[in-house]
Every structure is written in structure tokens, then in C-alpha cells.
Amino acid sequence: MTIAFGAGWSLGAGRGETTDWQVATVSAEGDGATAAVGGATLPIGPSVPMWIDADGATRTAGRPTCLDALASAPGSFRVVVDHLTVDGKQVDAVVAIDCRVAH
């Protein structure tokens, strides 16, 4: 299953005033990536609706640059997981990544 996002997702859309950032172990291989978070391993689509680069700048859509550095070993980053409907099915998906290393 491929998960792709449109421009309609944004932090806070349909949510309360806070966003639930969670620490995940993120792995990448080629164009694919996954996040192990909350006991589940979730795919990360080729374009993430919102991400924060290593310098703290917020980006909308595209592939987070931190994923390219994970070819040799996984990294620990903060992510936001949301419930989405894909092909008529409810799935959990990573919709935001903070590329500053989580401690």
C-alpha cells in the first residue's frame, strides 16, 4: 500500500490546540522509510506533509532530508502519527517529522 498525502493535511487540522509528537526509531532504505513508534512500524510516504529540518525550519511536503542520512543506521526523531483513510480503509500514518535528533 502506498500512502500519499495531498496538501490538505496540516498540523492542527481537525485536532485540538496541541499536536502529539512521539519519539520514533526511523529507518530508510532507498526511497522507502519506516517509523517504529507506539509498538507499530509505520510506512513513511515519499512526501511528508510537514517536516522540520535540522536547522529548525518548517517545510511543507517533500522528502525530509534526514531520511537520506539513515542508509547505514536508524535514527531517533519525533513524529506525528494520524489516522487517515486510504483506499477506503483507516490507517495510521506518519504525517510530520522533526529532523532534529530526539533525545
Foldseek 3Di string as FASTA:
>chain_A
DADDDDLPDDPPVVHPPDFDKFKWWKAADDQWIWTCTPNDIATAHQWAQWEAAQVGDIDGIGHHPLNVVRNVHIAIWIWGWDWDQDPNDTDIYTRYIYSHGDD
